[in-house]
Amino acid sequence: MAGVRLFRARHLADPENYSQAQAVEDYRTQPVIAAFLDNPELEELVGGDPIVRLSDDLEGRVRHAMDSALPSNALLTLDGRWLDIANADRRRYFNDYLDVLPADAYAVRVLYHG
């Protein structure tokens, strides 16, 4: 399996003859990546969508990195709800939730072993 860097480098070296869309398509059609895309549950095991790293959408790449930086496996909200943070939408909710907390609120991240 060829890595993201290979396809991105090929595109950057000759963007007129090897488009972004072709780089993404070539990467996606590799058997391992195709299997990954066919099974969304693998995203958590792998650590996110590997295809986002091919994107030229800087805002999207930054958002993906931000959404992956802080969230742990669960979030206890101020109103006492426990939320499972098990996919990209939940990770985005986690960060959006933190962004709107009052300025005097404390955020505590607890890591534990069971």
PDB file of N, CA and C in Angstrom:
ATOM      1  N   MET A   1       0.849  -1.178   0.000  1.00  0.00           N
ATOM      2  CA  MET A   1       0.000   0.000   0.000  1.00  0.00           C
ATOM      3  C   MET A   1       0.893   1.239   0.000  1.00  0.00           C
ATOM      4  N   ALA A   2       0.591   2.141  -0.884  1.00  0.00           N
ATOM      5  CA  ALA A   2       1.317   3.407  -0.950  1.00  0.00           C
ATOM      6  C   ALA A   2       0.686   4.399   0.021  1.00  0.00           C
ATOM      7  N   GLY A   3       1.509   5.192   0.671  1.00  0.00           N
ATOM      8  CA  GLY A   3       1.017   6.146   1.654  1.00  0.00           C
ATOM      9  C   GLY A   3       0.538   7.447   1.031  1.00  0.00           C
ATOM     10  N   VAL A   4      -0.136   8.220   1.842  1.00  0.00           N
ATOM     11  CA  VAL A   4      -0.678   9.510   1.433  1.00  0.00           C
ATOM     12  C   VAL A   4       0.423  10.393   0.854  1.00  0.00           C
ATOM     13  N   ARG A   5       1.581  10.380   1.464  1.00  0.00           N
ATOM     14  CA  ARG A   5       2.670  11.274   1.030  1.00  0.00           C
ATOM     15  C   ARG A   5       3.056  11.039  -0.427  1.00  0.00           C
ATOM     16  N   LEU A   6       3.052   9.779  -0.854  1.00  0.00           N
ATOM     17  CA  LEU A   6       3.413   9.467  -2.236  1.00  0.00           C
ATOM     18  C   LEU A   6       2.443  10.126  -3.214  1.00  0.00           C
ATOM     19  N   PHE A   7       1.147   9.982  -2.976  1.00  0.00           N
ATOM     20  CA  PHE A   7       0.151  10.555  -3.878  1.00  0.00           C
ATOM     21  C   PHE A   7       0.167  12.082  -3.827  1.00  0.00           C
ATOM     22  N   ARG A   8       0.339  12.620  -2.646  1.00  0.00           N
ATOM     23  CA  ARG A   8       0.403  14.078  -2.515  1.00  0.00           C
ATOM     24  C   ARG A   8       1.648  14.622  -3.231  1.00  0.00           C
ATOM     25  N   ALA A   9       2.776  13.961  -3.068  1.00  0.00           N
ATOM     26  CA  ALA A   9       4.018  14.389  -3.730  1.00  0.00           C
ATOM     27  C   ALA A   9       3.883  14.318  -5.250  1.00  0.00           C
ATOM     28  N   ARG A  10       3.247  13.256  -5.746  1.00  0.00           N
ATOM     29  CA  ARG A  10       3.037  13.140  -7.201  1.00  0.00           C
ATOM     30  C   ARG A  10       2.172  14.290  -7.706  1.00  0.00           C
ATOM     31  N   HIS A  11       1.137  14.615  -6.963  1.00  0.00           N
ATOM     32  CA  HIS A  11       0.259  15.723  -7.362  1.00  0.00           C
ATOM     33  C   HIS A  11       1.007  17.049  -7.328  1.00  0.00           C
ATOM     34  N   LEU A  12       1.752  17.310  -6.268  1.00  0.00           N
ATOM     35  CA  LEU A  12       2.465  18.576  -6.145  1.00  0.00           C
ATOM     36  C   LEU A  12       3.579  18.715  -7.176  1.00  0.00           C
ATOM     37  N   ALA A  13       4.175  17.600  -7.577  1.00  0.00           N
ATOM     38  CA  ALA A  13       5.245  17.635  -8.570  1.00  0.00           C
ATOM     39  C   ALA A  13       4.719  17.954  -9.973  1.00  0.00           C
ATOM     40  N   ASP A  14       3.487  17.560 -10.259  1.00  0.00           N
ATOM     41  CA  ASP A  14       2.928  17.764 -11.600  1.00  0.00           C
ATOM     42  C   ASP A  14       1.412  17.949 -11.513  1.00  0.00           C
ATOM     43  N   PRO A  15       0.961  19.050 -10.924  1.00  0.00           N
ATOM     44  CA  PRO A  15      -0.473  19.232 -10.688  1.00  0.00           C
ATOM     45  C   PRO A  15      -1.319  19.299 -11.961  1.00  0.00           C
ATOM     46  N   GLU A  16      -0.742  19.690 -13.073  1.00  0.00           N
ATOM     47  CA  GLU A  16      -1.518  19.764 -14.312  1.00  0.00           C
ATOM     48  C   GLU A  16      -1.802  18.386 -14.896  1.00  0.00           C
ATOM     49  N   ASN A  17      -0.875  17.453 -14.746  1.00  0.00           N
ATOM     50  CA  ASN A  17      -1.048  16.113 -15.314  1.00  0.00           C
ATOM     51  C   ASN A  17      -1.488  15.068 -14.290  1.00  0.00           C
ATOM     52  N   TYR A  18      -1.385  15.410 -12.998  1.00  0.00           N
ATOM     53  CA  TYR A  18      -1.819  14.468 -11.953  1.00  0.00           C
ATOM     54  C   TYR A  18      -2.610  15.278 -10.937  1.00  0.00           C
ATOM     55  N   SER A  19      -3.901  15.345 -11.176  1.00  0.00           N
ATOM     56  CA  SER A  19      -4.775  16.224 -10.399  1.00  0.00           C
ATOM     57  C   SER A  19      -4.979  15.734  -8.972  1.00  0.00           C
ATOM     58  N   GLN A  20      -5.473  16.651  -8.164  1.00  0.00           N
ATOM     59  CA  GLN A  20      -5.858  16.320  -6.784  1.00  0.00           C
ATOM     60  C   GLN A  20      -6.893  15.200  -6.799  1.00  0.00           C
ATOM     61  N   ALA A  21      -7.877  15.320  -7.675  1.00  0.00           N
ATOM     62  CA  ALA A  21      -8.937  14.306  -7.760  1.00  0.00           C
ATOM     63  C   ALA A  21      -8.358  12.944  -8.121  1.00  0.00           C
ATOM     64  N   GLN A  22      -7.384  12.900  -9.034  1.00  0.00           N
ATOM     65  CA  GLN A  22      -6.770  11.629  -9.406  1.00  0.00           C
ATOM     66  C   GLN A  22      -5.960  11.052  -8.254  1.00  0.00           C
ATOM     67  N   ALA A  23      -5.258  11.915  -7.520  1.00  0.00           N
ATOM     68  CA  ALA A  23      -4.490  11.451  -6.355  1.00  0.00           C
ATOM     69  C   ALA A  23      -5.416  10.815  -5.328  1.00  0.00           C
ATOM     70  N   VAL A  24      -6.534  11.479  -5.056  1.00  0.00           N
ATOM     71  CA  VAL A  24      -7.500  10.941  -4.089  1.00  0.00           C
ATOM     72  C   VAL A  24      -8.062   9.623  -4.594  1.00  0.00           C
ATOM     73  N   GLU A  25      -8.437   9.574  -5.877  1.00  0.00           N
ATOM     74  CA  GLU A  25      -9.005   8.344  -6.445  1.00  0.00           C
ATOM     75  C   GLU A  25      -7.998   7.195  -6.393  1.00  0.00           C
ATOM     76  N   ASP A  26      -6.743   7.455  -6.755  1.00  0.00           N
ATOM     77  CA  ASP A  26      -5.716   6.410  -6.708  1.00  0.00           C
ATOM     78  C   ASP A  26      -5.502   5.913  -5.288  1.00  0.00           C
ATOM     79  N   TYR A  27      -5.504   6.826  -4.345  1.00  0.00           N
ATOM     80  CA  TYR A  27      -5.330   6.430  -2.947  1.00  0.00           C
ATOM     81  C   TYR A  27      -6.524   5.599  -2.468  1.00  0.00           C
ATOM     82  N   ARG A  28      -7.733   6.060  -2.777  1.00  0.00           N
ATOM     83  CA  ARG A  28      -8.949   5.379  -2.324  1.00  0.00           C
ATOM     84  C   ARG A  28      -9.116   3.985  -2.907  1.00  0.00           C
ATOM     85  N   THR A  29      -8.614   3.748  -4.093  1.00  0.00           N
ATOM     86  CA  THR A  29      -8.837   2.455  -4.736  1.00  0.00           C
ATOM     87  C   THR A  29      -7.818   1.392  -4.326  1.00  0.00           C
ATOM     88  N   GLN A  30      -6.865   1.738  -3.504  1.00  0.00           N
ATOM     89  CA  GLN A  30      -5.964   0.711  -2.972  1.00  0.00           C
ATOM     90  C   GLN A  30      -6.791  -0.253  -2.122  1.00  0.00           C
ATOM     91  N   PRO A  31      -6.535  -1.543  -2.180  1.00  0.00           N
ATOM     92  CA  PRO A  31      -7.367  -2.515  -1.460  1.00  0.00           C
ATOM     93  C   PRO A  31      -7.504  -2.242   0.044  1.00  0.00           C
ATOM     94  N   VAL A  32      -6.436  -1.867   0.708  1.00  0.00           N
ATOM     95  CA  VAL A  32      -6.515  -1.635   2.157  1.00  0.00           C
ATOM     96  C   VAL A  32      -7.393  -0.427   2.460  1.00  0.00           C
ATOM     97  N   ILE A  33      -7.228   0.648   1.699  1.00  0.00           N
ATOM     98  CA  ILE A  33      -8.024   1.851   1.918  1.00  0.00           C
ATOM     99  C   ILE A  33      -9.476   1.591   1.545  1.00  0.00           C
ATOM    100  N   ALA A  34      -9.711   0.875   0.453  1.00  0.00           N
ATOM    101  CA  ALA A  34     -11.088   0.536   0.064  1.00  0.00           C
ATOM    102  C   ALA A  34     -11.769  -0.261   1.170  1.00  0.00           C
ATOM    103  N   ALA A  35     -11.055  -1.214   1.765  1.00  0.00           N
ATOM    104  CA  ALA A  35     -11.626  -2.007   2.869  1.00  0.00           C
ATOM    105  C   ALA A  35     -11.920  -1.111   4.063  1.00  0.00           C
ATOM    106  N   PHE A  36     -11.029  -0.194   4.342  1.00  0.00           N
ATOM    107  CA  PHE A  36     -11.229   0.754   5.435  1.00  0.00           C
ATOM    108  C   PHE A  36     -12.493   1.584   5.194  1.00  0.00           C
ATOM    109  N   LEU A  37     -12.645   2.102   3.975  1.00  0.00           N
ATOM    110  CA  LEU A  37     -13.798   2.932   3.649  1.00  0.00           C
ATOM    111  C   LEU A  37     -15.105   2.151   3.681  1.00  0.00           C
ATOM    112  N   ASP A  38     -15.032   0.841   3.451  1.00  0.00           N
ATOM    113  CA  ASP A  38     -16.227  -0.007   3.497  1.00  0.00           C
ATOM    114  C   ASP A  38     -16.654  -0.332   4.923  1.00  0.00           C
ATOM    115  N   ASN A  39     -15.807  -0.039   5.918  1.00  0.00           N
ATOM    116  CA  ASN A  39     -16.109  -0.367   7.303  1.00  0.00           C
ATOM    117  C   ASN A  39     -15.842   0.853   8.189  1.00  0.00           C
ATOM    118  N   PRO A  40     -16.848   1.731   8.373  1.00  0.00           N
ATOM    119  CA  PRO A  40     -16.652   2.968   9.144  1.00  0.00           C
ATOM    120  C   PRO A  40     -16.194   2.741  10.589  1.00  0.00           C
ATOM    121  N   GLU A  41     -16.453   1.576  11.150  1.00  0.00           N
ATOM    122  CA  GLU A  41     -16.017   1.305  12.524  1.00  0.00           C
ATOM    123  C   GLU A  41     -14.500   1.294  12.648  1.00  0.00           C
ATOM    124  N   LEU A  42     -13.815   1.075  11.545  1.00  0.00           N
ATOM    125  CA  LEU A  42     -12.354   1.054  11.584  1.00  0.00           C
ATOM    126  C   LEU A  42     -11.751   2.444  11.779  1.00  0.00           C
ATOM    127  N   GLU A  43     -12.526   3.494  11.521  1.00  0.00           N
ATOM    128  CA  GLU A  43     -11.998   4.854  11.651  1.00  0.00           C
ATOM    129  C   GLU A  43     -11.443   5.098  13.041  1.00  0.00           C
ATOM    130  N   GLU A  44     -12.141   4.645  14.070  1.00  0.00           N
ATOM    131  CA  GLU A  44     -11.655   4.844  15.442  1.00  0.00           C
ATOM    132  C   GLU A  44     -10.387   4.051  15.706  1.00  0.00           C
ATOM    133  N   LEU A  45     -10.277   2.857  15.141  1.00  0.00           N
ATOM    134  CA  LEU A  45      -9.083   2.042  15.353  1.00  0.00           C
ATOM    135  C   LEU A  45      -7.866   2.636  14.650  1.00  0.00           C
ATOM    136  N   VAL A  46      -8.087   3.214  13.489  1.00  0.00           N
ATOM    137  CA  VAL A  46      -6.992   3.765  12.694  1.00  0.00           C
ATOM    138  C   VAL A  46      -6.647   5.176  13.136  1.00  0.00           C
ATOM    139  N   GLY A  47      -7.603   5.893  13.657  1.00  0.00           N
ATOM    140  CA  GLY A  47      -7.351   7.251  14.113  1.00  0.00           C
ATOM    141  C   GLY A  47      -7.832   8.311  13.149  1.00  0.00           C
ATOM    142  N   GLY A  48      -8.883   8.048  12.449  1.00  0.00           N
ATOM    143  CA  GLY A  48      -9.469   9.056  11.575  1.00  0.00           C
ATOM    144  C   GLY A  48      -9.429   8.675  10.122  1.00  0.00           C
ATOM    145  N   ASP A  49      -9.916   9.558   9.319  1.00  0.00           N
ATOM    146  CA  ASP A  49     -10.018   9.357   7.884  1.00  0.00           C
ATOM    147  C   ASP A  49      -8.687   9.704   7.228  1.00  0.00           C
ATOM    148  N   PRO A  50      -7.981   8.717   6.676  1.00  0.00           N
ATOM    149  CA  PRO A  50      -6.676   9.004   6.079  1.00  0.00           C
ATOM    150  C   PRO A  50      -6.772   9.856   4.825  1.00  0.00           C
ATOM    151  N   ILE A  51      -7.923   9.905   4.190  1.00  0.00           N
ATOM    152  CA  ILE A  51      -8.072  10.640   2.946  1.00  0.00           C
ATOM    153  C   ILE A  51      -8.063  12.143   3.176  1.00  0.00           C
ATOM    154  N   VAL A  52      -8.479  12.582   4.355  1.00  0.00           N
ATOM    155  CA  VAL A  52      -8.502  14.023   4.631  1.00  0.00           C
ATOM    156  C   VAL A  52      -7.110  14.633   4.487  1.00  0.00           C
ATOM    157  N   ARG A  53      -6.072  13.832   4.675  1.00  0.00           N
ATOM    158  CA  ARG A  53      -4.705  14.352   4.567  1.00  0.00           C
ATOM    159  C   ARG A  53      -4.302  14.679   3.130  1.00  0.00           C
ATOM    160  N   LEU A  54      -5.081  14.219   2.149  1.00  0.00           N
ATOM    161  CA  LEU A  54      -4.804  14.550   0.754  1.00  0.00           C
ATOM    162  C   LEU A  54      -5.459  15.859   0.332  1.00  0.00           C
ATOM    163  N   SER A  55      -6.308  16.372   1.134  1.00  0.00           N
ATOM    164  CA  SER A  55      -7.102  17.533   0.764  1.00  0.00           C
ATOM    165  C   SER A  55      -6.272  18.804   0.703  1.00  0.00           C
ATOM    166  N   ASP A  56      -6.622  19.672  -0.242  1.00  0.00           N
ATOM    167  CA  ASP A  56      -6.033  21.004  -0.304  1.00  0.00           C
ATOM    168  C   ASP A  56      -6.862  21.998   0.497  1.00  0.00           C
ATOM    169  N   ASP A  57      -7.946  21.527   1.110  1.00  0.00           N
ATOM    170  CA  ASP A  57      -8.833  22.372   1.896  1.00  0.00           C
ATOM    171  C   ASP A  57      -8.199  22.601   3.262  1.00  0.00           C
ATOM    172  N   LEU A  58      -7.428  23.702   3.383  1.00  0.00           N
ATOM    173  CA  LEU A  58      -6.703  23.972   4.624  1.00  0.00           C
ATOM    174  C   LEU A  58      -7.655  24.085   5.809  1.00  0.00           C
ATOM    175  N   GLU A  59      -8.771  24.775   5.631  1.00  0.00           N
ATOM    176  CA  GLU A  59      -9.733  24.924   6.726  1.00  0.00           C
ATOM    177  C   GLU A  59     -10.256  23.563   7.195  1.00  0.00           C
ATOM    178  N   GLY A  60     -10.551  22.686   6.243  1.00  0.00           N
ATOM    179  CA  GLY A  60     -11.019  21.345   6.594  1.00  0.00           C
ATOM    180  C   GLY A  60      -9.958  20.534   7.316  1.00  0.00           C
ATOM    181  N   ARG A  61      -8.714  20.647   6.876  1.00  0.00           N
ATOM    182  CA  ARG A  61      -7.626  19.917   7.521  1.00  0.00           C
ATOM    183  C   ARG A  61      -7.384  20.427   8.934  1.00  0.00           C
ATOM    184  N   VAL A  62      -7.443  21.751   9.105  1.00  0.00           N
ATOM    185  CA  VAL A  62      -7.271  22.329  10.438  1.00  0.00           C
ATOM    186  C   VAL A  62      -8.405  21.868  11.345  1.00  0.00           C
ATOM    187  N   ARG A  63      -9.643  21.904  10.844  1.00  0.00           N
ATOM    188  CA  ARG A  63     -10.791  21.472  11.652  1.00  0.00           C
ATOM    189  C   ARG A  63     -10.646  20.004  12.053  1.00  0.00           C
ATOM    190  N   HIS A  64     -10.220  19.166  11.121  1.00  0.00           N
ATOM    191  CA  HIS A  64     -10.020  17.745  11.423  1.00  0.00           C
ATOM    192  C   HIS A  64      -8.972  17.576  12.522  1.00  0.00           C
ATOM    193  N   ALA A  65      -7.875  18.311  12.427  1.00  0.00           N
ATOM    194  CA  ALA A  65      -6.828  18.220  13.451  1.00  0.00           C
ATOM    195  C   ALA A  65      -7.341  18.708  14.798  1.00  0.00           C
ATOM    196  N   MET A  66      -8.092  19.813  14.790  1.00  0.00           N
ATOM    197  CA  MET A  66      -8.643  20.335  16.049  1.00  0.00           C
ATOM    198  C   MET A  66      -9.630  19.345  16.672  1.00  0.00           C
ATOM    199  N   ASP A  67     -10.492  18.762  15.836  1.00  0.00           N
ATOM    200  CA  ASP A  67     -11.497  17.839  16.347  1.00  0.00           C
ATOM    201  C   ASP A  67     -10.873  16.577  16.926  1.00  0.00           C
ATOM    202  N   SER A  68      -9.658  16.271  16.520  1.00  0.00           N
ATOM    203  CA  SER A  68      -8.998  15.057  16.998  1.00  0.00           C
ATOM    204  C   SER A  68      -8.084  15.298  18.192  1.00  0.00           C
ATOM    205  N   ALA A  69      -7.754  16.552  18.498  1.00  0.00           N
ATOM    206  CA  ALA A  69      -6.735  16.849  19.504  1.00  0.00           C
ATOM    207  C   ALA A  69      -7.192  16.614  20.937  1.00  0.00           C
ATOM    208  N   LEU A  70      -8.334  17.112  21.333  1.00  0.00           N
ATOM    209  CA  LEU A  70      -8.741  17.072  22.740  1.00  0.00           C
ATOM    210  C   LEU A  70      -9.658  15.926  23.148  1.00  0.00           C
ATOM    211  N   PRO A  71     -10.621  15.565  22.331  1.00  0.00           N
ATOM    212  CA  PRO A  71     -11.630  14.616  22.822  1.00  0.00           C
ATOM    213  C   PRO A  71     -11.054  13.311  23.335  1.00  0.00           C
ATOM    214  N   SER A  72     -11.626  12.862  24.428  1.00  0.00           N
ATOM    215  CA  SER A  72     -11.319  11.536  24.943  1.00  0.00           C
ATOM    216  C   SER A  72     -12.527  10.664  24.616  1.00  0.00           C
ATOM    217  N   ASN A  73     -12.674   9.547  25.280  1.00  0.00           N
ATOM    218  CA  ASN A  73     -13.744   8.616  24.939  1.00  0.00           C
ATOM    219  C   ASN A  73     -15.121   9.049  25.421  1.00  0.00           C
ATOM    220  N   ALA A  74     -15.195   9.992  26.315  1.00  0.00           N
ATOM    221  CA  ALA A  74     -16.494  10.409  26.842  1.00  0.00           C
ATOM    222  C   ALA A  74     -16.429  11.862  27.286  1.00  0.00           C
ATOM    223  N   LEU A  75     -17.613  12.459  27.392  1.00  0.00           N
ATOM    224  CA  LEU A  75     -17.728  13.845  27.837  1.00  0.00           C
ATOM    225  C   LEU A  75     -18.853  13.914  28.858  1.00  0.00           C
ATOM    226  N   LEU A  76     -18.562  14.476  30.007  1.00  0.00           N
ATOM    227  CA  LEU A  76     -19.581  14.741  31.023  1.00  0.00           C
ATOM    228  C   LEU A  76     -19.930  16.213  30.906  1.00  0.00           C
ATOM    229  N   THR A  77     -21.164  16.509  30.488  1.00  0.00           N
ATOM    230  CA  THR A  77     -21.580  17.888  30.282  1.00  0.00           C
ATOM    231  C   THR A  77     -21.954  18.540  31.609  1.00  0.00           C
ATOM    232  N   LEU A  78     -22.072  19.855  31.608  1.00  0.00           N
ATOM    233  CA  LEU A  78     -22.429  20.570  32.830  1.00  0.00           C
ATOM    234  C   LEU A  78     -23.815  20.193  33.344  1.00  0.00           C
ATOM    235  N   ASP A  79     -24.690  19.711  32.447  1.00  0.00           N
ATOM    236  CA  ASP A  79     -26.027  19.300  32.900  1.00  0.00           C
ATOM    237  C   ASP A  79     -26.071  17.823  33.298  1.00  0.00           C
ATOM    238  N   GLY A  80     -24.906  17.182  33.407  1.00  0.00           N
ATOM    239  CA  GLY A  80     -24.824  15.825  33.939  1.00  0.00           C
ATOM    240  C   GLY A  80     -24.989  14.693  32.935  1.00  0.00           C
ATOM    241  N   ARG A  81     -24.939  14.980  31.646  1.00  0.00           N
ATOM    242  CA  ARG A  81     -25.052  13.917  30.635  1.00  0.00           C
ATOM    243  C   ARG A  81     -23.672  13.374  30.285  1.00  0.00           C
ATOM    244  N   TRP A  82     -23.558  12.045  30.190  1.00  0.00           N
ATOM    245  CA  TRP A  82     -22.353  11.396  29.699  1.00  0.00           C
ATOM    246  C   TRP A  82     -22.547  11.142  28.216  1.00  0.00           C
ATOM    247  N   LEU A  83     -21.628  11.598  27.394  1.00  0.00           N
ATOM    248  CA  LEU A  83     -21.700  11.381  25.959  1.00  0.00           C
ATOM    249  C   LEU A  83     -20.506  10.562  25.510  1.00  0.00           C
ATOM    250  N   ASP A  84     -20.774   9.533  24.733  1.00  0.00           N
ATOM    251  CA  ASP A  84     -19.720   8.720  24.144  1.00  0.00           C
ATOM    252  C   ASP A  84     -19.154   9.477  22.944  1.00  0.00           C
ATOM    253  N   ILE A  85     -17.845   9.660  22.914  1.00  0.00           N
ATOM    254  CA  ILE A  85     -17.201  10.381  21.818  1.00  0.00           C
ATOM    255  C   ILE A  85     -16.548   9.338  20.914  1.00  0.00           C
ATOM    256  N   ALA A  86     -17.359   8.699  20.065  1.00  0.00           N
ATOM    257  CA  ALA A  86     -16.863   7.554  19.314  1.00  0.00           C
ATOM    258  C   ALA A  86     -16.803   7.761  17.812  1.00  0.00           C
ATOM    259  N   ASN A  87     -17.057   8.967  17.339  1.00  0.00           N
ATOM    260  CA  ASN A  87     -16.943   9.185  15.898  1.00  0.00           C
ATOM    261  C   ASN A  87     -16.634  10.659  15.632  1.00  0.00           C
ATOM    262  N   ALA A  88     -16.436  10.994  14.368  1.00  0.00           N
ATOM    263  CA  ALA A  88     -16.027  12.357  14.008  1.00  0.00           C
ATOM    264  C   ALA A  88     -17.063  13.398  14.406  1.00  0.00           C
ATOM    265  N   ASP A  89     -18.343  13.088  14.263  1.00  0.00           N
ATOM    266  CA  ASP A  89     -19.386  14.050  14.645  1.00  0.00           C
ATOM    267  C   ASP A  89     -19.352  14.330  16.139  1.00  0.00           C
ATOM    268  N   ARG A  90     -19.138  13.309  16.931  1.00  0.00           N
ATOM    269  CA  ARG A  90     -19.068  13.498  18.385  1.00  0.00           C
ATOM    270  C   ARG A  90     -17.830  14.282  18.775  1.00  0.00           C
ATOM    271  N   ARG A  91     -16.703  14.018  18.094  1.00  0.00           N
ATOM    272  CA  ARG A  91     -15.484  14.783  18.400  1.00  0.00           C
ATOM    273  C   ARG A  91     -15.699  16.252  18.084  1.00  0.00           C
ATOM    274  N   ARG A  92     -16.390  16.549  16.976  1.00  0.00           N
ATOM    275  CA  ARG A  92     -16.681  17.937  16.629  1.00  0.00           C
ATOM    276  C   ARG A  92     -17.597  18.545  17.689  1.00  0.00           C
ATOM    277  N   TYR A  93     -18.610  17.783  18.148  1.00  0.00           N
ATOM    278  CA  TYR A  93     -19.511  18.275  19.190  1.00  0.00           C
ATOM    279  C   TYR A  93     -18.720  18.591  20.456  1.00  0.00           C
ATOM    280  N   PHE A  94     -17.796  17.716  20.823  1.00  0.00           N
ATOM    281  CA  PHE A  94     -16.946  17.893  21.999  1.00  0.00           C
ATOM    282  C   PHE A  94     -16.274  19.264  21.966  1.00  0.00           C
ATOM    283  N   ASN A  95     -15.612  19.577  20.848  1.00  0.00           N
ATOM    284  CA  ASN A  95     -14.903  20.842  20.734  1.00  0.00           C
ATOM    285  C   ASN A  95     -15.853  22.028  20.671  1.00  0.00           C
ATOM    286  N   ASP A  96     -16.952  21.883  19.951  1.00  0.00           N
ATOM    287  CA  ASP A  96     -17.939  22.963  19.891  1.00  0.00           C
ATOM    288  C   ASP A  96     -18.510  23.231  21.282  1.00  0.00           C
ATOM    289  N   TYR A  97     -18.731  22.165  22.043  1.00  0.00           N
ATOM    290  CA  TYR A  97     -19.251  22.305  23.403  1.00  0.00           C
ATOM    291  C   TYR A  97     -18.258  23.092  24.269  1.00  0.00           C
ATOM    292  N   LEU A  98     -17.000  22.742  24.204  1.00  0.00           N
ATOM    293  CA  LEU A  98     -15.977  23.456  24.978  1.00  0.00           C
ATOM    294  C   LEU A  98     -15.884  24.919  24.567  1.00  0.00           C
ATOM    295  N   ASP A  99     -16.031  25.184  23.285  1.00  0.00           N
ATOM    296  CA  ASP A  99     -15.909  26.557  22.787  1.00  0.00           C
ATOM    297  C   ASP A  99     -16.971  27.499  23.342  1.00  0.00           C
ATOM    298  N   VAL A 100     -18.143  26.976  23.699  1.00  0.00           N
ATOM    299  CA  VAL A 100     -19.225  27.855  24.160  1.00  0.00           C
ATOM    300  C   VAL A 100     -19.398  27.848  25.682  1.00  0.00           C
ATOM    301  N   LEU A 101     -18.525  27.155  26.394  1.00  0.00           N
ATOM    302  CA  LEU A 101     -18.615  27.186  27.854  1.00  0.00           C
ATOM    303  C   LEU A 101     -18.329  28.599  28.357  1.00  0.00           C
ATOM    304  N   PRO A 102     -18.915  28.966  29.495  1.00  0.00           N
ATOM    305  CA  PRO A 102     -18.616  30.288  30.066  1.00  0.00           C
ATOM    306  C   PRO A 102     -17.116  30.425  30.346  1.00  0.00           C
ATOM    307  N   ALA A 103     -16.642  31.645  30.306  1.00  0.00           N
ATOM    308  CA  ALA A 103     -15.210  31.909  30.497  1.00  0.00           C
ATOM    309  C   ALA A 103     -14.697  31.427  31.847  1.00  0.00           C
ATOM    310  N   ASP A 104     -15.574  31.365  32.863  1.00  0.00           N
ATOM    311  CA  ASP A 104     -15.123  30.944  34.189  1.00  0.00           C
ATOM    312  C   ASP A 104     -15.300  29.435  34.428  1.00  0.00           C
ATOM    313  N   ALA A 105     -15.692  28.691  33.403  1.00  0.00           N
ATOM    314  CA  ALA A 105     -15.860  27.234  33.548  1.00  0.00           C
ATOM    315  C   ALA A 105     -14.496  26.551  33.482  1.00  0.00           C
ATOM    316  N   TYR A 106     -14.363  25.471  34.202  1.00  0.00           N
ATOM    317  CA  TYR A 106     -13.153  24.668  34.181  1.00  0.00           C
ATOM    318  C   TYR A 106     -13.426  23.414  33.350  1.00  0.00           C
ATOM    319  N   ALA A 107     -12.464  23.036  32.549  1.00  0.00           N
ATOM    320  CA  ALA A 107     -12.532  21.780  31.818  1.00  0.00           C
ATOM    321  C   ALA A 107     -11.486  20.853  32.431  1.00  0.00           C
ATOM    322  N   VAL A 108     -11.896  19.681  32.791  1.00  0.00           N
ATOM    323  CA  VAL A 108     -11.006  18.716  33.411  1.00  0.00           C
ATOM    324  C   VAL A 108     -10.971  17.474  32.542  1.00  0.00           C
ATOM    325  N   ARG A 109      -9.795  17.053  32.163  1.00  0.00           N
ATOM    326  CA  ARG A 109      -9.644  15.846  31.364  1.00  0.00           C
ATOM    327  C   ARG A 109      -9.071  14.769  32.265  1.00  0.00           C
ATOM    328  N   VAL A 110      -9.781  13.674  32.358  1.00  0.00           N
ATOM    329  CA  VAL A 110      -9.366  12.571  33.232  1.00  0.00           C
ATOM    330  C   VAL A 110      -9.054  11.349  32.363  1.00  0.00           C
ATOM    331  N   LEU A 111      -7.890  10.814  32.531  1.00  0.00           N
ATOM    332  CA  LEU A 111      -7.527   9.556  31.877  1.00  0.00           C
ATOM    333  C   LEU A 111      -7.426   8.496  32.951  1.00  0.00           C
ATOM    334  N   TYR A 112      -8.015   7.364  32.692  1.00  0.00           N
ATOM    335  CA  TYR A 112      -8.006   6.306  33.693  1.00  0.00           C
ATOM    336  C   TYR A 112      -7.792   4.959  33.018  1.00  0.00           C
ATOM    337  N   HIS A 113      -7.360   4.010  33.799  1.00  0.00           N
ATOM    338  CA  HIS A 113      -7.170   2.643  33.317  1.00  0.00           C
ATOM    339  C   HIS A 113      -8.115   1.759  34.088  1.00  0.00           C
ATOM    340  N   GLY A 114      -8.751   0.856  33.385  1.00  0.00           N
ATOM    341  CA  GLY A 114      -9.716  -0.007  34.049  1.00  0.00           C
ATOM    342  C   GLY A 114      -9.255  -1.423  34.141  1.00  0.00           C
TER     343      GLY A 114
END
